[in-house]
Structure formats: structure tokens, C-alpha cells
């Protein structure tokens, strides 16, 4: 069984809605404050309270200026919506202002602007991408969370660079560097890590309809940055005449979801609702996050493929290069012979990695090889569920790697390094050790 998180984006998604849903699922607000405080950047304060959205009880996450007034937060966010029915009468609710028009409240709407908000986020000093990365690096987040957070900010910069046809280093990140964007992105990375889901999936995203006023004019929904970040992801437009997916929401959903489609078969455990600021009639402006246990049919994850061709490097350097890339977190590294320009024989270097590790591994390729450029693309991969089982042989215990899909065993093989070590110690052929270990494992499973 695998702990599965499902983003139900029937009313879109934004960074504050994701954090609200995480708090509704039980993320302690004080722990979130501590994670954000470890950035050592003045981000103002954060709070949360319960609200109604078209009759649905949800948690509203807020960012407010330091020293400014804020809604009284909920005393404890250990409450969650169980899979079964619950009573709204058990909660105290705060009714927020109703919907507003984009005509009267134009949005800057570069990455980090929240169309779900209507002035709820204050304006702070804006931070550069370099400043954000430095703050994340010195924070108390885990190493994996730091890498993922930096990768998400880099994706925002790359989206803006593509829209404005300019190099990434020349993109102005004043909107991305706003305090509310840093809070939403870093807070979501921390909260999702604390949730500890084995698999994360999402519904297609309802982007809303109509137009939105951006810094560069009036654009149809979804806004340019949002549309760029949603590339390759299933979306649709409903009857609600407002923007439902913000750039930050698009960034986080696409950065975490391993699959988009109907809710997978699972046993429901908890349901969290995160509220947007507006409260349109007959449409609950909430993001629903569903947590449950599902039988795994193979693990699907998002990976990045990094490629470069080399035809002018000392071949002795390829061995240490592979070792260094694997130590730095590469999931796989392999070489293939290619024929390059001017009819030169060369080597195609392929690196598979987690998206958040791309920058670190690209830096190694540039530093340790003669390449002057790399290509990369994100894709999905599916892996069988794997575990080790030990079998006792006359030579000693040997581990057998067993691979399953939907509970069915598809592959099994003795660990080669252990077989090679035993063969060397006992002066017997490796293939004999392998065959004996495999026979004993098969005999045990036939009788079990």
C-alpha cells in the first residue's frame, strides 16, 4: 500500500490554497512559521482561520505585514476533514468579502501574483533569485526540500524568460521575489514533505474563464506565465468568470503531480480544504486535497533527462565523470557512441535525475567535461515496486531483489555484488552462486 495525495483542482489552485489545505490536513501552523522563519528573511507574518466558501468549510491561509493587523488564527490545525461525513456546526466561521471584478482590481500577475486574493497579501521588499536561493540554502529545510524549492523558483524564471524572449539571467523577478510568493512556495515544499505522500496525483485543472489584467495588458485566462507552466498538463475552462489558477498554483501542482487524471482507487483517510479569497455564489472556491492508501501498480515519478555529446575529451575522464554524477544524485548515467559533425566519432552522455537535481548535475557536466552546452527535458518514468528478500544458502545469506507490479511478482534476481563476493571467497564460479540462490528462492516461494 502507498500513501497517496490527490489534488482535486475543480476550482483551480493557488499557493495560499495549497497551504490552507495542508493546514486543514493537520500541518501545525507553528511548525510552518518555524520553517519560514529559518529563511532569515523579513516575510511578515502568517495566520489562518476557518471560512465558508459556498457552504464548504475550509482553512484560509493569510500573509500579512509585520506588525500589521491579521485575522485571529485558528488555535489548532490538528483538525481535518475525515473521509466520512462531518458537521459544519462544529466550526466557527468567518465570512469574507464576496467576489470582486478584475475590472476594478487589476492584478500584476507575473509569477507570484495571487488572483485568489483581493489585497490580502502585502507588498514587501522584493528579492532576487540569487537572494532567494541563498536564503533557502541557509534555512533549516532538509537538503531535498532546499533543492526542490530552488528548482521551483528557477522554473518560474525560465517561464518568464520564454514569454519575454530573453535570457533567464536578464529576467526581472520582482514579482517572483515578493514575500507572499516566497511564503507560498517554500511553505508548500515544507508542508508536502511533512505530509510524506508516496505518490502525488492531480485532477485536470479548471483554469476559469474570462480575462485578467496583467502588467502588460489584458489577457485571456490563463495568464501567460500560468499557461507556460501548465504546458503538457490537462486543463479545462468552466463557467466561472474569473481566473482560478495562479502561476504559483500552476508551478506547485505541476512540480509535484506525477500523474493527471481521475482520482485513483484508494481508501480515503483525510480530506483538506484550502480556501481562496473570493466567495462566488454556487461555486466553492476551494482546493480539495485527498489523502488515502492505494495499492501500487508501479511507481510513477517525474524525472529530467540531461544530454550532451562530446567528441574532444580524453576517454579516461568518462569513468570518474560517471562516478561523480552518481554521487551527486543522478538516478542513472550511461554513454552511447554517436557520429557527430565533421564525421567525428563521439559519445552521447545521458543523465537521468530528479528535476530538483538538474542544476547541480549540469554544473558537473560543464566543469568536468569539454561540452559547451547541455539539453534537458522533463518526462515521466514508471518503476516496479522493489524489495529485498534474503535466502540462506550453503555459502551464506544472499539477498534477492524482487520486483512487483500491482502485487504480482514480475522479476527476481540475486544481488550480483554479493554473489561475486561469495564466489571469490569460496573459489567457485559466480554463475553457480547465482543459480543456487535463485533455485532456493524459487523453491521457497512455490511452497509459501
Protein backbone atom coordinates (compact mmCIF):
# COMPACT_ATOMS: atom_id res chain seq x y z
CA UNK A 1 0.00 0.00 0.00
CA UNK A 2 1.14 3.53 -0.76
CA UNK A 3 0.16 6.82 0.87
CA UNK A 4 -1.38 8.80 -1.97
CA UNK A 5 -2.18 12.52 -2.20
CA UNK A 6 -4.68 13.71 -4.81
CA UNK A 7 -5.06 17.38 -5.75
CA UNK A 8 -8.71 17.92 -6.73
CA UNK A 9 -8.44 21.17 -8.72
CA UNK A 10 -12.13 21.59 -9.64
CA UNK A 11 -11.78 25.24 -8.60
CA UNK A 12 -8.19 25.74 -9.72
CA UNK A 13 -5.22 26.18 -7.41
CA UNK A 14 -3.06 28.87 -5.87
CA UNK A 15 -0.19 28.83 -3.41
CA UNK A 16 -2.29 30.06 -0.48
CA UNK A 17 -4.99 27.47 -1.23
CA UNK A 18 -2.39 24.68 -1.16
CA UNK A 19 -1.07 25.88 2.20
CA UNK A 20 -4.61 26.23 3.53
CA UNK A 21 -5.38 22.63 2.54
CA UNK A 22 -2.13 21.39 4.14
CA UNK A 23 -3.05 23.15 7.39
CA UNK A 24 -6.54 21.65 7.15
CA UNK A 25 -4.91 18.21 6.86
CA UNK A 26 -3.04 18.76 10.10
CA UNK A 27 0.19 20.66 9.34
CA UNK A 28 0.93 22.63 12.54
CA UNK A 29 0.90 26.37 11.87
CA UNK A 30 3.73 26.96 14.36
CA UNK A 31 5.91 24.40 12.55
CA UNK A 32 5.23 26.19 9.26
CA UNK A 33 6.15 29.51 10.88
CA UNK A 34 9.39 27.96 12.11
CA UNK A 35 10.32 26.68 8.65
CA UNK A 36 9.64 30.07 7.08
CA UNK A 37 11.46 31.87 9.89
CA UNK A 38 14.60 29.81 9.25
CA UNK A 39 14.97 31.66 5.92
CA UNK A 40 16.06 34.71 7.96
CA UNK A 41 14.18 36.99 5.55
CA UNK A 42 11.53 39.53 6.59
CA UNK A 43 8.43 37.92 5.14
CA UNK A 44 5.88 39.44 7.54
CA UNK A 45 3.54 37.19 9.49
CA UNK A 46 1.26 34.32 8.59
CA UNK A 47 -2.06 33.24 10.05
CA UNK A 48 -5.01 31.01 9.26
CA UNK A 49 -8.70 30.88 10.07
CA UNK A 50 -11.78 28.93 9.10
CA UNK A 51 -14.10 30.30 6.43
CA UNK A 52 -17.09 29.21 4.36
CA UNK A 53 -16.89 29.03 0.58
CA UNK A 54 -20.32 28.39 -0.96
CA UNK A 55 -21.19 26.46 2.19
CA UNK A 56 -17.96 24.42 2.33
CA UNK A 57 -15.83 24.82 5.46
CA UNK A 58 -12.17 25.44 4.60
CA UNK A 59 -8.94 26.85 6.02
CA UNK A 60 -7.87 30.28 4.75
CA UNK A 61 -4.11 30.91 4.86
CA UNK A 62 -3.01 34.54 5.02
CA UNK A 63 0.20 36.55 4.77
CA UNK A 64 0.24 39.96 6.47
CA UNK A 65 2.76 42.72 7.04
CA UNK A 66 4.93 42.55 10.12
CA UNK A 67 3.27 44.49 12.91
CA UNK A 68 0.04 44.79 10.94
CA UNK A 69 -3.36 43.51 11.91
CA UNK A 70 -4.22 39.96 10.96
CA UNK A 71 -7.25 37.73 11.32
CA UNK A 72 -7.19 35.77 14.54
CA UNK A 73 -5.66 32.38 13.65
CA UNK A 74 -7.16 29.05 14.50
CA UNK A 75 -5.75 27.81 17.82
CA UNK A 76 -5.02 24.37 16.44
CA UNK A 77 -4.88 22.98 12.94
CA UNK A 78 -4.84 19.38 14.00
CA UNK A 79 -8.45 19.28 12.75
CA UNK A 80 -9.02 17.63 9.42
CA UNK A 81 -11.98 16.57 7.35
CA UNK A 82 -12.29 12.84 7.78
CA UNK A 83 -13.30 10.63 4.89
CA UNK A 84 -16.73 10.32 6.41
CA UNK A 85 -19.40 13.00 6.97
CA UNK A 86 -18.60 15.91 9.25
CA UNK A 87 -20.62 18.66 10.82
CA UNK A 88 -20.05 22.27 9.82
CA UNK A 89 -21.73 23.30 13.07
CA UNK A 90 -18.61 22.21 14.95
CA UNK A 91 -16.53 25.03 13.44
CA UNK A 92 -16.55 28.77 13.93
CA UNK A 93 -16.67 30.52 10.55
CA UNK A 94 -15.58 33.91 9.31
CA UNK A 95 -17.41 35.29 6.29
CA UNK A 96 -15.09 37.03 3.89
CA UNK A 97 -15.88 39.71 1.27
CA UNK A 98 -17.69 38.49 -1.78
CA UNK A 99 -16.34 38.20 -5.31
CA UNK A 100 -14.70 41.15 -6.97
CA UNK A 101 -14.27 42.16 -10.56
CA UNK A 102 -10.98 42.07 -12.44
CA UNK A 103 -12.00 45.42 -13.90
CA UNK A 104 -11.85 47.09 -10.50
CA UNK A 105 -8.93 45.11 -9.09
CA UNK A 106 -6.27 44.65 -11.77
CA UNK A 107 -3.58 42.09 -11.00
CA UNK A 108 0.11 42.49 -11.79
CA UNK A 109 0.02 38.77 -12.50
CA UNK A 110 3.55 37.84 -13.17
CA UNK A 111 4.64 34.68 -11.32
CA UNK A 112 3.74 35.03 -7.69
CA UNK A 113 0.66 37.26 -8.06
CA UNK A 114 -2.42 35.72 -6.43
CA UNK A 115 -5.65 36.26 -8.24
CA UNK A 116 -7.38 34.38 -5.44
CA UNK A 117 -6.51 37.29 -3.22
CA UNK A 118 -8.03 40.75 -3.15
CA UNK A 119 -5.39 42.71 -1.38
CA UNK A 120 -4.81 40.09 1.28
CA UNK A 121 -1.08 39.93 0.59
CA UNK A 122 1.03 42.95 1.50
CA UNK A 123 3.86 44.38 -0.55
CA UNK A 124 7.35 43.75 0.84
CA UNK A 125 10.88 44.26 -0.40
CA UNK A 126 11.34 42.11 -3.46
CA UNK A 127 14.17 39.61 -3.52
CA UNK A 128 16.28 38.48 -6.45
CA UNK A 129 16.51 34.84 -7.49
CA UNK A 130 20.04 34.74 -6.11
CA UNK A 131 18.89 36.16 -2.77
CA UNK A 132 16.07 33.63 -2.59
CA UNK A 133 18.44 30.73 -3.33
CA UNK A 134 20.87 31.98 -0.67
CA UNK A 135 18.08 32.26 1.91
CA UNK A 136 16.84 28.76 1.11
CA UNK A 137 20.39 27.41 1.35
CA UNK A 138 20.86 28.71 4.89
CA UNK A 139 17.42 27.63 6.08
CA UNK A 140 16.62 24.61 8.24
CA UNK A 141 14.79 22.84 5.42
CA UNK A 142 16.02 19.37 4.52
CA UNK A 143 18.55 19.08 1.68
CA UNK A 144 15.89 17.61 -0.62
CA UNK A 145 13.43 20.40 0.22
CA UNK A 146 16.07 23.06 -0.43
CA UNK A 147 16.86 21.61 -3.86
CA UNK A 148 13.19 21.36 -4.79
CA UNK A 149 12.39 24.91 -3.66
CA UNK A 150 15.27 26.40 -5.65
CA UNK A 151 14.25 24.33 -8.67
CA UNK A 152 10.70 25.70 -8.46
CA UNK A 153 11.93 29.31 -8.44
CA UNK A 154 14.17 28.51 -11.41
CA UNK A 155 11.14 27.16 -13.31
CA UNK A 156 9.35 30.45 -12.70
CA UNK A 157 12.30 32.37 -14.08
CA UNK A 158 12.50 30.08 -17.12
CA UNK A 159 8.78 30.58 -17.81
CA UNK A 160 9.17 34.35 -17.73
CA UNK A 161 12.28 34.19 -19.92
CA UNK A 162 10.40 32.18 -22.55
CA UNK A 163 7.44 34.60 -22.52
CA UNK A 164 9.60 37.69 -22.92
CA UNK A 165 12.18 36.08 -25.27
CA UNK A 166 15.17 36.93 -23.11
CA UNK A 167 17.90 35.03 -21.25
CA UNK A 168 16.98 33.78 -17.78
CA UNK A 169 19.65 35.92 -16.14
CA UNK A 170 18.01 39.08 -17.54
CA UNK A 171 14.50 38.31 -16.31
CA UNK A 172 13.26 40.73 -13.66
CA UNK A 173 11.96 38.66 -10.77
CA UNK A 174 10.37 41.40 -8.67
CA UNK A 175 7.01 39.61 -8.61
CA UNK A 176 8.56 36.18 -8.05
CA UNK A 177 10.61 37.63 -5.21
CA UNK A 178 7.62 39.10 -3.36
CA UNK A 179 7.19 37.88 0.20
CA UNK A 180 3.89 36.13 -0.46
CA UNK A 181 5.41 34.10 -3.31
CA UNK A 182 8.35 33.01 -1.15
CA UNK A 183 5.98 32.05 1.65
CA UNK A 184 3.70 30.08 -0.68
CA UNK A 185 6.46 28.16 -2.48
CA UNK A 186 8.77 27.45 0.44
CA UNK A 187 5.82 26.77 2.75
CA UNK A 188 4.26 24.30 0.31
CA UNK A 189 7.57 22.47 -0.17
CA UNK A 190 7.92 22.13 3.61
CA UNK A 191 4.30 21.10 4.13
CA UNK A 192 4.26 18.50 1.37
CA UNK A 193 7.47 16.96 2.68
CA UNK A 194 5.92 16.74 6.15
CA UNK A 195 2.83 15.06 4.67
CA UNK A 196 5.10 12.29 3.37
CA UNK A 197 2.99 11.03 0.47
CA UNK A 198 4.47 8.18 -1.56
CA UNK A 199 2.54 9.23 -4.66
CA UNK A 200 1.05 12.57 -5.68
CA UNK A 201 -1.54 12.87 -8.44
CA UNK A 202 -3.86 15.61 -9.65
CA UNK A 203 -7.09 16.13 -11.49
CA UNK A 204 -7.11 18.23 -14.67
CA UNK A 205 -7.06 21.89 -13.65
CA UNK A 206 -10.04 24.21 -14.02
CA UNK A 207 -8.39 27.46 -15.15
CA UNK A 208 -11.59 29.53 -15.09
CA UNK A 209 -12.61 31.85 -17.93
CA UNK A 210 -12.73 35.49 -18.95
CA UNK A 211 -9.80 37.87 -18.91
CA UNK A 212 -7.25 39.10 -16.41
CA UNK A 213 -5.48 42.45 -16.28
CA UNK A 214 -1.72 41.93 -16.12
CA UNK A 215 1.23 44.30 -16.05
CA UNK A 216 1.46 44.08 -19.85
CA UNK A 217 -2.25 44.41 -20.65
CA UNK A 218 -5.47 42.42 -20.64
CA UNK A 219 -5.03 38.71 -21.36
CA UNK A 220 -7.39 35.77 -21.60
CA UNK A 221 -7.36 33.25 -18.77
CA UNK A 222 -4.99 31.52 -18.13
CA UNK A 223 -2.43 34.32 -17.95
CA UNK A 224 0.79 33.91 -19.99
CA UNK A 225 3.01 32.68 -17.13
CA UNK A 226 0.32 30.28 -15.93
CA UNK A 227 -0.23 28.88 -19.42
CA UNK A 228 3.50 28.33 -19.85
CA UNK A 229 3.78 26.46 -16.56
CA UNK A 230 0.77 24.30 -17.46
CA UNK A 231 2.34 23.12 -20.73
CA UNK A 232 1.68 19.42 -21.25
CA UNK A 233 -0.90 19.27 -18.44
CA UNK A 234 -4.66 18.65 -18.96
CA UNK A 235 -6.73 21.77 -18.25
CA UNK A 236 -10.27 22.94 -18.95
CA UNK A 237 -12.38 26.08 -18.71
CA UNK A 238 -15.63 26.16 -16.73
CA UNK A 239 -18.46 28.64 -16.37
CA UNK A 240 -16.86 30.66 -13.56
CA UNK A 241 -15.89 34.06 -14.94
CA UNK A 242 -12.65 34.55 -13.07
CA UNK A 243 -9.09 33.31 -13.00
CA UNK A 244 -8.82 30.12 -10.95
CA UNK A 245 -5.19 29.01 -11.43
CA UNK A 246 -2.36 31.37 -10.47
CA UNK A 247 1.25 30.98 -11.65
CA UNK A 248 2.27 29.82 -8.17
CA UNK A 249 -0.53 27.27 -8.09
CA UNK A 250 0.39 26.00 -11.57
CA UNK A 251 4.05 25.79 -10.54
CA UNK A 252 3.38 23.73 -7.43
CA UNK A 253 0.80 21.36 -8.90
CA UNK A 254 2.89 20.58 -12.00
CA UNK A 255 6.05 20.39 -9.90
CA UNK A 256 4.65 17.67 -7.66
CA UNK A 257 1.96 15.73 -9.52
CA UNK A 258 3.28 12.54 -11.07
CA UNK A 259 0.07 11.87 -12.99
CA UNK A 260 -3.01 13.84 -14.10
CA UNK A 261 -6.41 12.20 -14.40
CA UNK A 262 -9.30 10.79 -12.37
CA UNK A 263 -8.82 10.10 -8.68
CA UNK A 264 -7.01 6.76 -8.28
CA UNK A 265 -8.61 3.87 -6.45
CA UNK A 266 -7.74 4.25 -2.78
CA UNK A 267 -9.09 4.01 0.73
CA UNK A 268 -9.77 7.58 1.91
CA UNK A 269 -8.09 8.74 5.09
CA UNK A 270 -8.22 12.55 5.30
CA UNK A 271 -9.57 15.42 3.21
CA UNK A 272 -8.31 19.01 3.50
CA UNK A 273 -9.88 22.14 2.02
CA UNK A 274 -7.86 25.29 1.30
CA UNK A 275 -9.85 28.45 0.58
CA UNK A 276 -9.30 31.19 -1.98
CA UNK A 277 -10.14 34.76 -1.01
CA UNK A 278 -13.29 35.22 -3.08
CA UNK A 279 -16.60 33.53 -2.37
CA UNK A 280 -18.60 33.26 -5.62
CA UNK A 281 -22.16 32.02 -5.33
CA UNK A 282 -22.86 28.36 -6.07
CA UNK A 283 -19.16 27.61 -6.63
CA UNK A 284 -16.95 26.62 -3.67
CA UNK A 285 -13.67 28.47 -4.24
CA UNK A 286 -11.56 25.78 -2.55
CA UNK A 287 -8.78 23.34 -3.38
CA UNK A 288 -9.52 19.84 -2.10
CA UNK A 289 -6.57 17.64 -1.13
CA UNK A 290 -7.43 13.98 -0.57
CA UNK A 291 -5.11 11.59 1.26
CA UNK A 292 -5.57 7.83 1.22
CA UNK A 293 -3.98 4.42 0.86
CA UNK A 294 -3.78 2.86 -2.61
CA UNK A 295 -2.44 -0.39 -3.99
CA UNK A 296 0.56 0.39 -6.13
CA UNK A 297 0.68 -0.69 -9.77
CA UNK A 298 4.20 0.59 -10.23
CA UNK A 299 5.66 3.86 -9.05
CA UNK A 300 5.42 6.80 -11.48
CA UNK A 301 7.65 9.81 -10.97
CA UNK A 302 8.77 12.90 -12.85
CA UNK A 303 12.42 12.88 -13.96
CA UNK A 304 14.65 15.10 -16.07
CA UNK A 305 16.86 13.79 -18.87
CA UNK A 306 20.09 15.74 -19.42
CA UNK A 307 22.03 15.18 -22.67
CA UNK A 308 25.27 16.31 -24.25
CA UNK A 309 27.58 15.00 -26.98
CA UNK A 310 31.36 15.07 -26.62
CA UNK A 311 33.97 14.39 -29.33
CA UNK A 312 37.11 16.06 -27.98
CA UNK A 313 37.66 14.72 -24.47
CA UNK A 314 40.22 12.28 -23.10
CA UNK A 315 38.26 8.99 -22.74
CA UNK A 316 39.95 8.35 -19.38
CA UNK A 317 37.76 11.10 -17.91
CA UNK A 318 34.46 9.36 -18.62
CA UNK A 319 34.85 6.87 -15.75
CA UNK A 320 35.39 9.48 -13.00
CA UNK A 321 32.63 11.62 -14.56
CA UNK A 322 30.07 8.82 -14.16
CA UNK A 323 31.15 8.25 -10.56
CA UNK A 324 30.85 11.95 -9.72
CA UNK A 325 27.41 12.30 -11.32
CA UNK A 326 26.11 9.28 -9.41
CA UNK A 327 27.47 10.58 -6.11
CA UNK A 328 25.72 13.90 -6.81
CA UNK A 329 22.33 12.21 -7.06
CA UNK A 330 21.94 11.06 -10.67
CA UNK A 331 19.42 8.24 -10.97
CA UNK A 332 21.24 6.79 -13.97
CA UNK A 333 24.17 7.69 -16.23
CA UNK A 334 25.02 5.97 -19.49
CA UNK A 335 27.13 6.55 -22.58
CA UNK A 336 26.43 5.69 -26.22
CA UNK A 337 28.63 6.07 -29.32
CA UNK A 338 27.42 8.67 -31.84
CA UNK A 339 28.71 10.10 -35.11
CA UNK A 340 28.96 13.86 -34.84
CA UNK A 341 29.55 16.75 -37.21
CA UNK A 342 32.61 16.61 -39.46
CA UNK A 343 32.22 12.81 -39.26
CA UNK A 344 33.84 12.67 -35.84
CA UNK A 345 33.06 9.72 -33.55
CA UNK A 346 31.79 10.98 -30.22
CA UNK A 347 29.99 9.98 -27.03
CA UNK A 348 26.40 10.79 -26.10
CA UNK A 349 26.19 11.38 -22.34
CA UNK A 350 22.73 10.78 -20.86
CA UNK A 351 21.89 11.59 -17.25
CA UNK A 352 18.53 10.80 -15.61
CA UNK A 353 17.81 12.73 -12.44
CA UNK A 354 15.18 14.26 -10.21
CA UNK A 355 14.13 17.68 -11.55
CA UNK A 356 15.43 19.45 -8.45
CA UNK A 357 18.93 18.00 -9.06
CA UNK A 358 19.24 19.25 -12.66
CA UNK A 359 21.22 22.42 -11.93
CA UNK A 360 23.77 20.61 -9.74
CA UNK A 361 24.33 17.83 -12.29
CA UNK A 362 24.54 20.28 -15.21
CA UNK A 363 27.22 22.18 -13.31
CA UNK A 364 29.25 18.96 -13.00
CA UNK A 365 28.95 18.29 -16.75
CA UNK A 366 30.21 21.79 -17.55
CA UNK A 367 33.05 21.60 -15.01
CA UNK A 368 34.26 18.05 -15.66
CA UNK A 369 33.85 17.68 -19.46
CA UNK A 370 34.60 19.68 -22.59
CA UNK A 371 30.95 20.21 -23.51
CA UNK A 372 29.79 23.79 -24.03
CA UNK A 373 26.07 23.04 -23.83
CA UNK A 374 23.52 20.57 -22.50
CA UNK A 375 19.90 19.81 -23.38
CA UNK A 376 17.26 18.70 -20.91
CA UNK A 377 13.60 17.77 -20.80
CA UNK A 378 11.24 16.60 -18.08
CA UNK A 379 9.35 13.33 -18.51
CA UNK A 380 7.66 10.60 -16.52
CA UNK A 381 9.02 7.17 -15.70
CA UNK A 382 7.34 4.16 -14.13
CA UNK A 383 9.26 1.77 -11.90
CA UNK A 384 8.21 -1.55 -10.46
CA UNK A 385 7.89 -1.79 -6.70
CA UNK A 386 11.10 -3.35 -5.39
CA UNK A 387 12.17 -5.03 -2.17
CA UNK A 388 14.91 -7.37 -0.98
CA UNK A 389 14.35 -10.87 0.38
CA UNK A 390 17.15 -12.90 1.97
CA UNK A 391 17.72 -16.59 1.25
CA UNK A 392 20.02 -18.89 3.20
CA UNK A 393 22.49 -20.87 1.07
CA UNK A 394 25.37 -23.21 1.96
CA UNK A 395 27.61 -20.22 1.19
CA UNK A 396 25.73 -17.84 3.49
CA UNK A 397 22.79 -15.42 3.20
CA UNK A 398 22.25 -13.78 -0.19
CA UNK A 399 19.75 -11.01 -0.92
CA UNK A 400 17.34 -11.38 -3.84
CA UNK A 401 15.83 -8.27 -5.40
CA UNK A 402 12.11 -8.82 -6.07
CA UNK A 403 10.11 -6.54 -8.38
CA UNK A 404 6.30 -6.38 -8.33
CA UNK A 405 3.51 -4.59 -10.17
CA UNK A 406 0.09 -4.46 -8.51
CA UNK A 407 1.32 -7.11 -6.08
CA UNK A 408 2.35 -9.58 -8.82
CA UNK A 409 5.99 -10.69 -8.91
CA UNK A 410 7.47 -9.97 -12.34
CA UNK A 411 11.22 -10.19 -11.75
CA UNK A 412 13.63 -11.59 -9.19
CA UNK A 413 17.42 -11.69 -9.22
CA UNK A 414 20.17 -12.36 -6.66
CA UNK A 415 22.31 -9.33 -5.88
CA UNK A 416 25.32 -9.65 -8.17
CA UNK A 417 27.85 -7.97 -5.85
CA UNK A 418 27.03 -10.40 -3.05
CA UNK A 419 27.27 -13.39 -5.41
CA UNK A 420 30.62 -12.12 -6.73
CA UNK A 421 31.99 -11.63 -3.20
CA UNK A 422 30.94 -15.12 -2.09
CA UNK A 423 32.29 -16.67 -5.30
CA UNK A 424 35.65 -15.04 -4.70
CA UNK A 425 35.75 -16.11 -1.04
CA UNK A 426 34.75 -19.74 -1.82
CA UNK A 427 36.64 -20.05 -5.14
CA UNK A 428 33.50 -21.10 -7.05
CA UNK A 429 32.04 -19.69 -10.29
CA UNK A 430 29.76 -16.68 -9.85
CA UNK A 431 27.09 -18.28 -12.06
CA UNK A 432 26.91 -21.28 -9.69
CA UNK A 433 26.27 -18.99 -6.70
CA UNK A 434 23.60 -17.09 -8.67
CA UNK A 435 21.87 -20.28 -9.79
CA UNK A 436 21.84 -21.75 -6.27
CA UNK A 437 20.42 -18.56 -4.72
CA UNK A 438 17.75 -18.32 -7.39
CA UNK A 439 16.76 -22.01 -7.00
CA UNK A 440 16.40 -21.68 -3.24
CA UNK A 441 14.31 -18.51 -3.59
CA UNK A 442 12.02 -20.16 -6.16
CA UNK A 443 11.61 -23.27 -4.02
CA UNK A 444 10.65 -21.15 -1.01
CA UNK A 445 8.08 -19.12 -2.94
CA UNK A 446 6.48 -22.16 -4.56
CA UNK A 447 5.74 -23.61 -1.14
CA UNK A 448 4.71 -20.35 0.58
